[in-house]
């Protein structure tokens, strides 16, 4: 084989090896919708009780304020 053919073959094999190892990144949308579960418990009755207790204390001791 001629020297030029050997160079072409080596370059071709090197190029083939370099492109064969290239990673592939694919971004796809999910098939199902995104679900967010939030378990929230709001307790406001504690504040209501404090307010009622405060109203009762103010009613019993009017000279405090």
Protein backbone atom coordinates (compact mmCIF):
# COMPACT_ATOMS: atom_id res chain seq x y z
CA UNK A 1 0.00 0.00 0.00
CA UNK A 2 1.08 3.49 -0.63
CA UNK A 3 1.82 5.88 2.16
CA UNK A 4 -1.12 8.15 1.22
CA UNK A 5 -3.59 5.27 1.42
CA UNK A 6 -2.30 4.30 4.86
CA UNK A 7 -2.73 7.87 6.10
CA UNK A 8 -6.27 8.05 4.76
CA UNK A 9 -7.14 4.74 6.35
CA UNK A 10 -5.68 5.75 9.73
CA UNK A 11 -7.42 9.14 9.61
CA UNK A 12 -10.68 7.51 8.59
CA UNK A 13 -10.49 4.98 11.44
CA UNK A 14 -9.57 7.72 13.91
CA UNK A 15 -12.50 9.84 12.78
CA UNK A 16 -14.84 6.86 13.01
CA UNK A 17 -13.62 6.04 16.54
CA UNK A 18 -14.02 9.66 17.66
CA UNK A 19 -17.60 9.95 16.40
CA UNK A 20 -18.62 6.55 17.75
CA UNK A 21 -17.86 7.62 21.34
CA UNK A 22 -19.80 10.88 21.21
CA UNK A 23 -22.44 10.97 23.99
CA UNK A 24 -26.03 11.69 23.01
CA UNK A 25 -28.23 13.87 25.20
CA UNK A 26 -32.00 13.72 24.68
CA UNK A 27 -34.45 16.02 26.45
CA UNK A 28 -38.01 14.71 26.44
CA UNK A 29 -41.18 15.98 28.03
CA UNK A 30 -42.85 13.67 30.55
CA UNK A 31 -45.82 11.66 29.32
CA UNK A 32 -47.74 12.21 32.58
CA UNK A 33 -48.40 15.60 34.16
CA UNK A 34 -46.29 16.67 37.11
CA UNK A 35 -48.16 16.11 40.39
CA UNK A 36 -47.35 18.06 43.54
CA UNK A 37 -48.82 16.68 46.74
CA UNK A 38 -48.93 19.23 49.54
CA UNK A 39 -50.29 18.18 52.88
CA UNK A 40 -51.04 21.45 54.63
CA UNK A 41 -52.84 21.67 57.92
CA UNK A 42 -53.80 25.15 59.01
CA UNK A 43 -54.79 25.51 62.61
CA UNK A 44 -56.38 28.79 63.40
CA UNK A 45 -58.49 27.72 66.35
CA UNK A 46 -55.53 28.34 68.70
CA UNK A 47 -55.55 32.02 67.85
CA UNK A 48 -59.30 32.17 68.32
CA UNK A 49 -59.03 30.65 71.77
CA UNK A 50 -56.31 33.11 72.74
CA UNK A 51 -58.45 35.98 71.53
CA UNK A 52 -61.43 34.74 73.54
CA UNK A 53 -59.27 34.32 76.63
CA UNK A 54 -57.85 37.79 76.13
CA UNK A 55 -61.33 39.27 75.74
CA UNK A 56 -62.41 37.57 78.96
CA UNK A 57 -59.33 38.85 80.83
CA UNK A 58 -59.91 42.41 79.59
CA UNK A 59 -63.58 42.22 80.56
CA UNK A 60 -62.69 41.08 84.10
CA UNK A 61 -59.88 43.63 84.58
CA UNK A 62 -60.84 46.82 82.81
CA UNK A 63 -58.18 48.89 84.60
CA UNK A 64 -55.30 46.91 83.07
CA UNK A 65 -55.22 48.96 79.89
